[in-house]
């Protein structure tokens, strides 16, 4: 385990050192939750267009529950494991670039990475029949958001990778749950 954590710290230091001040504003913008609202609005419109009002309501409820579950699971891990974020580790202060506005206490695993990956998988599966490249574009967006957390100095790569893995699994699970519910309620009519 020590070897894995050492590798994670070294990989973090390498990736974080690739940043430069002219790019800080871009990555700060990428990581903001509010920046994704236009994307969510487009996805909601496309879901409504192809799944109708009733389907969209069920999907929106499932998505809200999915994001809540993802966020709470991340908090459970963060406060259960209590791995300090790299920006909180004194030995790293001289070697990392900290470009975020603030730094939380614990970082394993990244809720940003988990939520964005869950959303990407969930929405990508919902829209893949009509937009063949949508899942790939959404996965790219989720990876970009995950990388922003490393760039800004608030998460190790393992925090982001684990968050993406949990997020992907939760996104797939909630897609299956909403699909099962919609089939069940449609066939009952």
N, C-alpha and C. Protein backbone atom coordinates (compact mmCIF):
# COMPACT_ATOMS: atom_id res chain seq x y z
N UNK A 1 0.82 -1.20 0.00
CA UNK A 1 0.00 0.00 0.00
C UNK A 1 0.86 1.27 0.00
N UNK A 2 1.93 1.24 0.77
CA UNK A 2 2.84 2.40 0.82
C UNK A 2 3.41 2.72 -0.56
N UNK A 3 3.75 1.65 -1.28
CA UNK A 3 4.30 1.83 -2.63
C UNK A 3 3.29 2.50 -3.56
N UNK A 4 2.05 2.08 -3.48
CA UNK A 4 0.97 2.66 -4.29
C UNK A 4 0.78 4.14 -3.95
N UNK A 5 0.77 4.48 -2.67
CA UNK A 5 0.61 5.87 -2.25
C UNK A 5 1.80 6.73 -2.67
N UNK A 6 3.00 6.14 -2.63
CA UNK A 6 4.19 6.86 -3.09
C UNK A 6 4.10 7.14 -4.58
N UNK A 7 3.69 6.12 -5.34
CA UNK A 7 3.53 6.29 -6.79
C UNK A 7 2.46 7.35 -7.07
N UNK A 8 1.37 7.31 -6.34
CA UNK A 8 0.29 8.27 -6.52
C UNK A 8 0.78 9.69 -6.27
N UNK A 9 1.58 9.87 -5.23
CA UNK A 9 2.11 11.19 -4.92
C UNK A 9 3.07 11.66 -6.01
N UNK A 10 3.92 10.77 -6.48
CA UNK A 10 4.86 11.13 -7.56
C UNK A 10 4.13 11.48 -8.84
N UNK A 11 3.11 10.69 -9.18
CA UNK A 11 2.34 10.96 -10.39
C UNK A 11 1.57 12.27 -10.25
N UNK A 12 1.02 12.51 -9.07
CA UNK A 12 0.34 13.79 -8.81
C UNK A 12 1.30 14.95 -9.02
N UNK A 13 2.49 14.85 -8.42
CA UNK A 13 3.48 15.93 -8.52
C UNK A 13 3.84 16.20 -9.98
N UNK A 14 4.01 15.13 -10.76
CA UNK A 14 4.33 15.29 -12.18
C UNK A 14 3.19 15.99 -12.92
N UNK A 15 1.95 15.48 -12.78
CA UNK A 15 0.82 16.06 -13.50
C UNK A 15 0.54 17.48 -13.05
N UNK A 16 0.62 17.72 -11.77
CA UNK A 16 0.36 19.05 -11.23
C UNK A 16 1.41 20.05 -11.71
N UNK A 17 2.65 19.60 -11.87
CA UNK A 17 3.73 20.50 -12.30
C UNK A 17 3.61 20.89 -13.78
N UNK A 18 2.76 20.22 -14.53
CA UNK A 18 2.58 20.56 -15.94
C UNK A 18 1.81 21.87 -16.12
N UNK A 19 1.17 22.32 -15.07
CA UNK A 19 0.36 23.54 -15.14
C UNK A 19 1.20 24.79 -15.25
N UNK A 20 0.54 25.85 -15.70
CA UNK A 20 1.19 27.15 -15.76
C UNK A 20 0.14 28.23 -15.49
N UNK A 21 0.59 29.33 -14.98
CA UNK A 21 -0.32 30.39 -14.54
C UNK A 21 -1.31 30.84 -15.62
N UNK A 22 -0.91 30.96 -16.88
CA UNK A 22 -1.89 31.38 -17.89
C UNK A 22 -3.08 30.41 -18.03
N UNK A 23 -2.90 29.16 -17.66
CA UNK A 23 -3.97 28.16 -17.77
C UNK A 23 -4.79 28.01 -16.50
N UNK A 24 -4.37 28.61 -15.41
CA UNK A 24 -5.07 28.44 -14.14
C UNK A 24 -6.54 28.83 -14.23
N UNK A 25 -6.83 29.94 -14.84
CA UNK A 25 -8.21 30.42 -14.95
C UNK A 25 -9.09 29.43 -15.71
N UNK A 26 -8.55 28.85 -16.77
CA UNK A 26 -9.31 27.86 -17.55
C UNK A 26 -9.68 26.66 -16.68
N UNK A 27 -8.71 26.12 -15.94
CA UNK A 27 -8.95 24.93 -15.13
C UNK A 27 -9.83 25.24 -13.93
N UNK A 28 -9.74 26.46 -13.42
CA UNK A 28 -10.64 26.86 -12.34
C UNK A 28 -12.08 26.92 -12.86
N UNK A 29 -12.23 27.38 -14.08
CA UNK A 29 -13.56 27.43 -14.71
C UNK A 29 -14.10 26.02 -14.97
N UNK A 30 -13.25 25.13 -15.46
CA UNK A 30 -13.66 23.76 -15.75
C UNK A 30 -14.19 23.07 -14.49
N UNK A 31 -13.54 23.30 -13.37
CA UNK A 31 -13.88 22.59 -12.14
C UNK A 31 -15.13 23.12 -11.44
N UNK A 32 -15.54 24.34 -11.76
CA UNK A 32 -16.73 24.91 -11.13
C UNK A 32 -17.99 24.11 -11.50
N UNK A 33 -18.80 23.80 -10.51
CA UNK A 33 -20.03 23.05 -10.77
C UNK A 33 -20.98 23.84 -11.65
N UNK A 34 -21.01 25.16 -11.49
CA UNK A 34 -21.94 26.00 -12.24
C UNK A 34 -21.60 26.06 -13.73
N UNK A 35 -20.37 25.80 -14.09
CA UNK A 35 -19.95 25.85 -15.49
C UNK A 35 -20.66 24.78 -16.32
N UNK A 36 -21.07 23.69 -15.68
CA UNK A 36 -21.71 22.59 -16.39
C UNK A 36 -23.21 22.78 -16.59
N UNK A 37 -23.79 23.85 -16.07
CA UNK A 37 -25.23 24.05 -16.20
C UNK A 37 -25.68 24.10 -17.66
N UNK A 38 -24.97 24.79 -18.57
CA UNK A 38 -25.40 24.74 -19.98
C UNK A 38 -25.42 23.31 -20.54
N UNK A 39 -24.43 22.50 -20.17
CA UNK A 39 -24.41 21.10 -20.62
C UNK A 39 -25.62 20.35 -20.07
N UNK A 40 -25.91 20.53 -18.79
CA UNK A 40 -27.06 19.86 -18.18
C UNK A 40 -28.37 20.30 -18.83
N UNK A 41 -28.45 21.57 -19.19
CA UNK A 41 -29.65 22.09 -19.85
C UNK A 41 -29.84 21.43 -21.22
N UNK A 42 -28.77 21.31 -21.97
CA UNK A 42 -28.83 20.64 -23.29
C UNK A 42 -29.21 19.18 -23.13
N UNK A 43 -28.60 18.51 -22.16
CA UNK A 43 -28.92 17.09 -21.93
C UNK A 43 -30.38 16.92 -21.53
N UNK A 44 -30.87 17.81 -20.68
CA UNK A 44 -32.27 17.73 -20.26
C UNK A 44 -33.21 17.92 -21.45
N UNK A 45 -32.88 18.87 -22.32
CA UNK A 45 -33.69 19.08 -23.52
C UNK A 45 -33.68 17.84 -24.41
N UNK A 46 -32.51 17.26 -24.64
CA UNK A 46 -32.41 16.07 -25.50
C UNK A 46 -33.14 14.88 -24.89
N UNK A 47 -33.06 14.74 -23.58
CA UNK A 47 -33.78 13.66 -22.90
C UNK A 47 -35.28 13.87 -23.05
N UNK A 48 -35.74 15.11 -22.86
CA UNK A 48 -37.17 15.41 -23.04
C UNK A 48 -37.61 15.12 -24.48
N UNK A 49 -36.79 15.52 -25.42
CA UNK A 49 -37.10 15.33 -26.85
C UNK A 49 -37.30 13.85 -27.18
N UNK A 50 -36.52 12.98 -26.58
CA UNK A 50 -36.56 11.56 -26.94
C UNK A 50 -37.30 10.67 -25.94
N UNK A 51 -37.52 11.16 -24.74
CA UNK A 51 -38.17 10.32 -23.72
C UNK A 51 -39.50 10.88 -23.23
N UNK A 52 -39.89 12.06 -23.73
CA UNK A 52 -41.17 12.65 -23.36
C UNK A 52 -41.17 13.19 -21.94
N UNK A 53 -42.28 13.83 -21.57
CA UNK A 53 -42.38 14.46 -20.27
C UNK A 53 -42.34 13.45 -19.12
N UNK A 54 -43.13 12.40 -19.21
CA UNK A 54 -43.17 11.41 -18.13
C UNK A 54 -41.80 10.74 -17.94
N UNK A 55 -41.19 10.36 -19.05
CA UNK A 55 -39.86 9.75 -18.98
C UNK A 55 -38.83 10.71 -18.41
N UNK A 56 -38.92 11.99 -18.79
CA UNK A 56 -37.98 12.99 -18.30
C UNK A 56 -38.13 13.20 -16.80
N UNK A 57 -39.35 13.17 -16.31
CA UNK A 57 -39.56 13.33 -14.86
C UNK A 57 -38.91 12.17 -14.10
N UNK A 58 -39.14 10.95 -14.57
CA UNK A 58 -38.53 9.78 -13.93
C UNK A 58 -37.01 9.87 -14.01
N UNK A 59 -36.49 10.24 -15.17
CA UNK A 59 -35.05 10.35 -15.37
C UNK A 59 -34.46 11.44 -14.48
N UNK A 60 -35.14 12.58 -14.36
CA UNK A 60 -34.65 13.68 -13.53
C UNK A 60 -34.61 13.27 -12.05
N UNK A 61 -35.62 12.55 -11.60
CA UNK A 61 -35.63 12.07 -10.22
C UNK A 61 -34.48 11.08 -10.00
N UNK A 62 -34.31 10.16 -10.96
CA UNK A 62 -33.21 9.19 -10.86
C UNK A 62 -31.86 9.91 -10.85
N UNK A 63 -31.72 10.94 -11.69
CA UNK A 63 -30.45 11.68 -11.75
C UNK A 63 -30.18 12.41 -10.43
N UNK A 64 -31.20 13.01 -9.85
CA UNK A 64 -31.03 13.70 -8.57
C UNK A 64 -30.62 12.72 -7.47
N UNK A 65 -31.27 11.55 -7.45
CA UNK A 65 -30.91 10.52 -6.47
C UNK A 65 -29.49 10.00 -6.72
N UNK A 66 -29.13 9.88 -8.00
CA UNK A 66 -27.80 9.39 -8.37
C UNK A 66 -26.71 10.35 -7.89
N UNK A 67 -26.89 11.63 -8.14
CA UNK A 67 -25.89 12.62 -7.73
C UNK A 67 -25.80 12.67 -6.20
N UNK A 68 -26.94 12.59 -5.53
CA UNK A 68 -26.95 12.57 -4.06
C UNK A 68 -26.22 11.34 -3.54
N UNK A 69 -26.51 10.17 -4.11
CA UNK A 69 -25.85 8.93 -3.67
C UNK A 69 -24.34 9.01 -3.92
N UNK A 70 -23.95 9.52 -5.07
CA UNK A 70 -22.53 9.64 -5.41
C UNK A 70 -21.82 10.57 -4.42
N UNK A 71 -22.43 11.70 -4.17
CA UNK A 71 -21.84 12.68 -3.26
C UNK A 71 -21.73 12.13 -1.84
N UNK A 72 -22.77 11.47 -1.37
CA UNK A 72 -22.75 10.93 -0.01
C UNK A 72 -21.75 9.78 0.13
N UNK A 73 -21.64 8.95 -0.91
CA UNK A 73 -20.65 7.88 -0.88
C UNK A 73 -19.23 8.45 -0.83
N UNK A 74 -19.00 9.50 -1.61
CA UNK A 74 -17.68 10.15 -1.59
C UNK A 74 -17.39 10.70 -0.20
N UNK A 75 -18.38 11.32 0.44
CA UNK A 75 -18.19 11.85 1.80
C UNK A 75 -17.92 10.73 2.80
N UNK A 76 -18.62 9.62 2.64
CA UNK A 76 -18.41 8.47 3.51
C UNK A 76 -16.96 7.99 3.42
N UNK A 77 -16.44 7.90 2.20
CA UNK A 77 -15.05 7.49 2.00
C UNK A 77 -14.08 8.54 2.54
N UNK A 78 -14.34 9.82 2.22
CA UNK A 78 -13.44 10.89 2.66
C UNK A 78 -13.28 10.90 4.17
N UNK A 79 -14.40 10.86 4.88
CA UNK A 79 -14.32 10.96 6.33
C UNK A 79 -14.05 9.61 7.00
N UNK A 80 -14.26 8.53 6.27
CA UNK A 80 -13.91 7.21 6.79
C UNK A 80 -12.42 6.93 6.67
N UNK A 81 -11.85 7.27 5.53
CA UNK A 81 -10.43 7.00 5.27
C UNK A 81 -9.54 8.15 5.76
N UNK A 82 -10.00 9.36 5.62
CA UNK A 82 -9.31 10.57 6.07
C UNK A 82 -7.91 10.74 5.47
N UNK A 83 -7.81 10.54 4.18
CA UNK A 83 -6.53 10.81 3.50
C UNK A 83 -6.48 12.30 3.17
N UNK A 84 -5.49 13.00 3.70
CA UNK A 84 -5.41 14.44 3.44
C UNK A 84 -5.24 14.73 1.95
N UNK A 85 -5.83 15.81 1.52
CA UNK A 85 -5.64 16.27 0.14
C UNK A 85 -4.18 16.71 -0.02
N UNK A 86 -3.66 16.67 -1.24
CA UNK A 86 -2.25 17.06 -1.42
C UNK A 86 -1.98 18.51 -0.98
N UNK A 87 -2.95 19.38 -1.13
CA UNK A 87 -2.77 20.77 -0.74
C UNK A 87 -2.74 20.94 0.78
N UNK A 88 -3.04 19.88 1.53
CA UNK A 88 -2.98 19.90 2.99
C UNK A 88 -1.71 19.24 3.54
N UNK A 89 -0.91 18.63 2.67
CA UNK A 89 0.29 17.90 3.09
C UNK A 89 1.48 18.87 3.11
N UNK A 90 2.02 19.10 4.29
CA UNK A 90 3.11 20.06 4.46
C UNK A 90 4.33 19.74 3.60
N UNK A 91 4.67 18.46 3.49
CA UNK A 91 5.86 18.07 2.73
C UNK A 91 5.73 18.39 1.24
N UNK A 92 4.50 18.56 0.75
CA UNK A 92 4.28 18.85 -0.67
C UNK A 92 4.15 20.33 -0.97
N UNK A 93 4.00 21.15 0.04
CA UNK A 93 3.73 22.58 -0.17
C UNK A 93 4.75 23.26 -1.07
N UNK A 94 6.01 22.89 -0.93
CA UNK A 94 7.06 23.55 -1.72
C UNK A 94 7.12 23.05 -3.16
N UNK A 95 6.52 21.88 -3.43
CA UNK A 95 6.67 21.29 -4.77
C UNK A 95 5.42 21.33 -5.63
N UNK A 96 4.26 21.63 -5.06
CA UNK A 96 3.05 21.60 -5.88
C UNK A 96 2.57 22.99 -6.25
N UNK A 97 1.77 23.03 -7.29
CA UNK A 97 1.09 24.26 -7.69
C UNK A 97 -0.32 24.19 -7.12
N UNK A 98 -0.67 25.09 -6.25
CA UNK A 98 -2.03 25.13 -5.72
C UNK A 98 -2.75 26.29 -6.39
N UNK A 99 -3.68 25.98 -7.28
CA UNK A 99 -4.36 27.01 -8.06
C UNK A 99 -5.85 27.09 -7.73
N UNK A 100 -6.31 26.32 -6.77
CA UNK A 100 -7.72 26.34 -6.40
C UNK A 100 -8.01 27.51 -5.45
N UNK A 101 -9.28 27.84 -5.32
CA UNK A 101 -9.67 28.91 -4.40
C UNK A 101 -9.58 28.46 -2.95
N UNK A 102 -9.86 27.18 -2.71
CA UNK A 102 -9.79 26.64 -1.35
C UNK A 102 -9.41 25.17 -1.40
N UNK A 103 -9.12 24.65 -0.22
CA UNK A 103 -8.67 23.26 -0.13
C UNK A 103 -9.36 22.58 1.05
N UNK A 104 -10.16 21.56 0.77
CA UNK A 104 -10.82 20.82 1.84
C UNK A 104 -9.83 19.96 2.60
N UNK A 105 -10.32 19.28 3.61
CA UNK A 105 -9.44 18.46 4.46
C UNK A 105 -9.05 17.15 3.81
N UNK A 106 -10.05 16.37 3.41
CA UNK A 106 -9.80 15.01 2.94
C UNK A 106 -10.20 14.87 1.47
N UNK A 107 -9.51 13.95 0.77
CA UNK A 107 -9.73 13.88 -0.65
C UNK A 107 -10.05 12.53 -1.26
N UNK A 108 -9.99 11.47 -0.49
CA UNK A 108 -10.22 10.16 -1.12
C UNK A 108 -11.65 9.71 -0.92
N UNK A 109 -12.45 9.69 -1.95
CA UNK A 109 -12.20 9.96 -3.34
C UNK A 109 -12.88 11.22 -3.81
N UNK A 110 -12.58 11.66 -5.01
CA UNK A 110 -13.08 12.93 -5.53
C UNK A 110 -14.57 12.86 -5.86
N UNK A 111 -15.36 13.68 -5.18
CA UNK A 111 -16.80 13.76 -5.46
C UNK A 111 -17.03 14.41 -6.83
N UNK A 112 -16.19 15.37 -7.22
CA UNK A 112 -16.32 15.98 -8.55
C UNK A 112 -16.17 14.91 -9.64
N UNK A 113 -15.12 14.11 -9.51
CA UNK A 113 -14.87 13.07 -10.52
C UNK A 113 -15.99 12.04 -10.52
N UNK A 114 -16.47 11.67 -9.34
CA UNK A 114 -17.54 10.66 -9.25
C UNK A 114 -18.84 11.18 -9.85
N UNK A 115 -19.22 12.39 -9.48
CA UNK A 115 -20.49 12.95 -9.97
C UNK A 115 -20.47 13.17 -11.48
N UNK A 116 -19.36 13.69 -11.98
CA UNK A 116 -19.30 13.94 -13.42
C UNK A 116 -19.29 12.64 -14.21
N UNK A 117 -18.60 11.63 -13.71
CA UNK A 117 -18.58 10.34 -14.42
C UNK A 117 -19.95 9.66 -14.33
N UNK A 118 -20.60 9.74 -13.19
CA UNK A 118 -21.94 9.17 -13.06
C UNK A 118 -22.88 9.83 -14.05
N UNK A 119 -22.82 11.15 -14.14
CA UNK A 119 -23.67 11.88 -15.08
C UNK A 119 -23.34 11.51 -16.52
N UNK A 120 -22.06 11.40 -16.84
CA UNK A 120 -21.65 11.06 -18.19
C UNK A 120 -22.16 9.68 -18.60
N UNK A 121 -22.01 8.70 -17.73
CA UNK A 121 -22.45 7.34 -18.04
C UNK A 121 -23.97 7.30 -18.13
N UNK A 122 -24.66 7.89 -17.17
CA UNK A 122 -26.12 7.90 -17.13
C UNK A 122 -26.70 8.56 -18.38
N UNK A 123 -26.27 9.79 -18.67
CA UNK A 123 -26.81 10.51 -19.82
C UNK A 123 -26.35 9.89 -21.14
N UNK A 124 -25.12 9.41 -21.17
CA UNK A 124 -24.62 8.77 -22.39
C UNK A 124 -25.44 7.54 -22.75
N UNK A 125 -25.78 6.73 -21.75
CA UNK A 125 -26.62 5.55 -21.99
C UNK A 125 -28.03 5.94 -22.40
N UNK A 126 -28.56 6.99 -21.83
CA UNK A 126 -29.91 7.44 -22.17
C UNK A 126 -30.02 7.93 -23.61
N UNK A 127 -28.95 8.53 -24.12
CA UNK A 127 -29.01 9.20 -25.42
C UNK A 127 -28.24 8.48 -26.53
N UNK A 128 -27.61 7.37 -26.22
CA UNK A 128 -26.74 6.71 -27.20
C UNK A 128 -27.46 6.25 -28.45
N UNK A 129 -28.74 5.92 -28.37
CA UNK A 129 -29.48 5.45 -29.55
C UNK A 129 -29.70 6.55 -30.57
N UNK A 130 -29.68 7.80 -30.15
CA UNK A 130 -29.93 8.91 -31.05
C UNK A 130 -28.65 9.68 -31.40
N UNK A 131 -27.69 9.65 -30.50
CA UNK A 131 -26.45 10.39 -30.68
C UNK A 131 -25.28 9.46 -30.39
N UNK A 132 -24.79 8.88 -31.45
CA UNK A 132 -23.78 7.82 -31.34
C UNK A 132 -22.52 8.25 -30.59
N UNK A 133 -22.13 9.51 -30.75
CA UNK A 133 -20.88 9.98 -30.15
C UNK A 133 -21.09 10.64 -28.78
N UNK A 134 -22.33 10.78 -28.39
CA UNK A 134 -22.61 11.45 -27.11
C UNK A 134 -21.91 10.79 -25.92
N UNK A 135 -21.94 9.46 -25.79
CA UNK A 135 -21.25 8.86 -24.63
C UNK A 135 -19.76 9.23 -24.58
N UNK A 136 -19.11 9.25 -25.73
CA UNK A 136 -17.68 9.56 -25.78
C UNK A 136 -17.41 11.02 -25.43
N UNK A 137 -18.27 11.92 -25.91
CA UNK A 137 -18.12 13.34 -25.58
C UNK A 137 -18.33 13.57 -24.08
N UNK A 138 -19.31 12.90 -23.51
CA UNK A 138 -19.58 13.05 -22.09
C UNK A 138 -18.45 12.43 -21.24
N UNK A 139 -17.91 11.32 -21.69
CA UNK A 139 -16.77 10.73 -20.98
C UNK A 139 -15.56 11.65 -21.04
N UNK A 140 -15.34 12.27 -22.18
CA UNK A 140 -14.24 13.23 -22.32
C UNK A 140 -14.43 14.39 -21.35
N UNK A 141 -15.66 14.90 -21.26
CA UNK A 141 -15.97 15.98 -20.33
C UNK A 141 -15.67 15.55 -18.89
N UNK A 142 -16.08 14.34 -18.52
CA UNK A 142 -15.86 13.84 -17.15
C UNK A 142 -14.36 13.70 -16.85
N UNK A 143 -13.60 13.21 -17.80
CA UNK A 143 -12.14 13.07 -17.61
C UNK A 143 -11.49 14.45 -17.49
N UNK A 144 -11.92 15.38 -18.30
CA UNK A 144 -11.41 16.76 -18.24
C UNK A 144 -11.67 17.36 -16.86
N UNK A 145 -12.88 17.18 -16.36
CA UNK A 145 -13.23 17.68 -15.04
C UNK A 145 -12.39 16.99 -13.96
N UNK A 146 -12.20 15.69 -14.10
CA UNK A 146 -11.38 14.96 -13.14
C UNK A 146 -9.94 15.45 -13.14
N UNK A 147 -9.39 15.67 -14.32
CA UNK A 147 -8.02 16.17 -14.40
C UNK A 147 -7.88 17.55 -13.78
N UNK A 148 -8.93 18.36 -13.88
CA UNK A 148 -8.87 19.70 -13.30
C UNK A 148 -8.58 19.66 -11.80
N UNK A 149 -9.05 18.61 -11.15
CA UNK A 149 -8.84 18.48 -9.70
C UNK A 149 -7.36 18.23 -9.37
N UNK A 150 -6.68 17.51 -10.25
CA UNK A 150 -5.24 17.28 -10.08
C UNK A 150 -4.47 18.56 -10.41
N UNK A 151 -4.84 19.18 -11.53
CA UNK A 151 -4.19 20.41 -11.96
C UNK A 151 -4.22 21.46 -10.85
N UNK A 152 -5.39 21.61 -10.22
CA UNK A 152 -5.56 22.65 -9.20
C UNK A 152 -4.86 22.32 -7.88
N UNK A 153 -4.46 21.06 -7.71
CA UNK A 153 -3.71 20.67 -6.51
C UNK A 153 -4.56 20.16 -5.37
N UNK A 154 -5.83 19.78 -5.66
CA UNK A 154 -6.72 19.37 -4.56
C UNK A 154 -6.98 17.86 -4.49
N UNK A 155 -6.53 17.11 -5.50
CA UNK A 155 -6.72 15.66 -5.48
C UNK A 155 -5.53 14.94 -6.11
N UNK A 156 -5.24 13.78 -5.57
CA UNK A 156 -4.27 12.87 -6.16
C UNK A 156 -4.93 12.13 -7.33
N UNK A 157 -4.13 11.59 -8.26
CA UNK A 157 -4.72 10.81 -9.36
C UNK A 157 -5.57 9.64 -8.88
N UNK A 158 -5.16 8.97 -7.81
CA UNK A 158 -5.94 7.84 -7.30
C UNK A 158 -7.30 8.29 -6.77
N UNK A 159 -7.37 9.49 -6.21
CA UNK A 159 -8.66 10.06 -5.77
C UNK A 159 -9.60 10.20 -6.97
N UNK A 160 -9.05 10.70 -8.07
CA UNK A 160 -9.84 10.95 -9.28
C UNK A 160 -10.23 9.64 -9.96
N UNK A 161 -9.27 8.73 -10.09
CA UNK A 161 -9.55 7.44 -10.76
C UNK A 161 -10.59 6.65 -9.97
N UNK A 162 -10.45 6.62 -8.65
CA UNK A 162 -11.42 5.90 -7.82
C UNK A 162 -12.79 6.57 -7.92
N UNK A 163 -12.81 7.89 -7.89
CA UNK A 163 -14.07 8.62 -8.04
C UNK A 163 -14.74 8.30 -9.36
N UNK A 164 -13.96 8.25 -10.43
CA UNK A 164 -14.51 7.94 -11.76
C UNK A 164 -15.05 6.51 -11.80
N UNK A 165 -14.34 5.59 -11.18
CA UNK A 165 -14.79 4.19 -11.17
C UNK A 165 -16.11 4.06 -10.42
N UNK A 166 -16.18 4.64 -9.23
CA UNK A 166 -17.43 4.59 -8.47
C UNK A 166 -18.54 5.33 -9.21
N UNK A 167 -18.21 6.49 -9.76
CA UNK A 167 -19.20 7.26 -10.51
C UNK A 167 -19.74 6.51 -11.71
N UNK A 168 -18.85 5.87 -12.46
CA UNK A 168 -19.29 5.09 -13.61
C UNK A 168 -20.22 3.96 -13.21
N UNK A 169 -19.87 3.27 -12.15
CA UNK A 169 -20.70 2.18 -11.66
C UNK A 169 -22.06 2.69 -11.18
N UNK A 170 -22.07 3.78 -10.44
CA UNK A 170 -23.32 4.34 -9.95
C UNK A 170 -24.18 4.87 -11.10
N UNK A 171 -23.55 5.51 -12.09
CA UNK A 171 -24.28 5.98 -13.26
C UNK A 171 -24.94 4.84 -14.01
N UNK A 172 -24.23 3.74 -14.18
CA UNK A 172 -24.79 2.56 -14.85
C UNK A 172 -25.93 1.97 -14.03
N UNK A 173 -25.74 1.88 -12.72
CA UNK A 173 -26.76 1.32 -11.83
C UNK A 173 -28.04 2.15 -11.87
N UNK A 174 -27.92 3.46 -11.79
CA UNK A 174 -29.12 4.31 -11.82
C UNK A 174 -29.76 4.32 -13.20
N UNK A 175 -28.98 4.16 -14.26
CA UNK A 175 -29.57 4.00 -15.59
C UNK A 175 -30.43 2.74 -15.61
N UNK A 176 -29.89 1.64 -15.08
CA UNK A 176 -30.64 0.38 -15.03
C UNK A 176 -31.90 0.51 -14.18
N UNK A 177 -31.79 1.19 -13.04
CA UNK A 177 -32.95 1.35 -12.16
C UNK A 177 -34.06 2.17 -12.81
N UNK A 178 -33.72 3.28 -13.44
CA UNK A 178 -34.75 4.09 -14.09
C UNK A 178 -35.35 3.35 -15.27
N UNK A 179 -34.54 2.58 -15.99
CA UNK A 179 -35.04 1.80 -17.13
C UNK A 179 -36.01 0.72 -16.65
N UNK A 180 -35.63 0.04 -15.59
CA UNK A 180 -36.50 -0.98 -15.00
C UNK A 180 -37.82 -0.36 -14.55
N UNK A 181 -37.76 0.76 -13.84
CA UNK A 181 -38.96 1.42 -13.35
C UNK A 181 -39.85 1.88 -14.50
N UNK A 182 -39.27 2.48 -15.52
CA UNK A 182 -40.06 2.98 -16.66
C UNK A 182 -40.71 1.82 -17.41
N UNK A 183 -40.00 0.71 -17.59
CA UNK A 183 -40.59 -0.47 -18.26
C UNK A 183 -41.72 -1.04 -17.42
N UNK A 184 -41.49 -1.10 -16.12
CA UNK A 184 -42.49 -1.67 -15.20
C UNK A 184 -43.77 -0.83 -15.19
N UNK A 185 -43.63 0.50 -15.12
CA UNK A 185 -44.82 1.34 -15.05
C UNK A 185 -45.50 1.45 -16.41
N UNK A 186 -44.76 1.34 -17.50
CA UNK A 186 -45.36 1.39 -18.83
C UNK A 186 -46.15 0.11 -19.11
N UNK A 187 -45.60 -1.04 -18.70
CA UNK A 187 -46.28 -2.31 -18.96
C UNK A 187 -47.50 -2.50 -18.06
N UNK A 188 -47.55 -1.77 -16.94
CA UNK A 188 -48.69 -1.90 -16.03
C UNK A 188 -49.91 -1.17 -16.55
N UNK A 189 -49.71 -0.25 -17.48
CA UNK A 189 -50.84 0.53 -18.00
C UNK A 189 -51.65 -0.21 -19.01
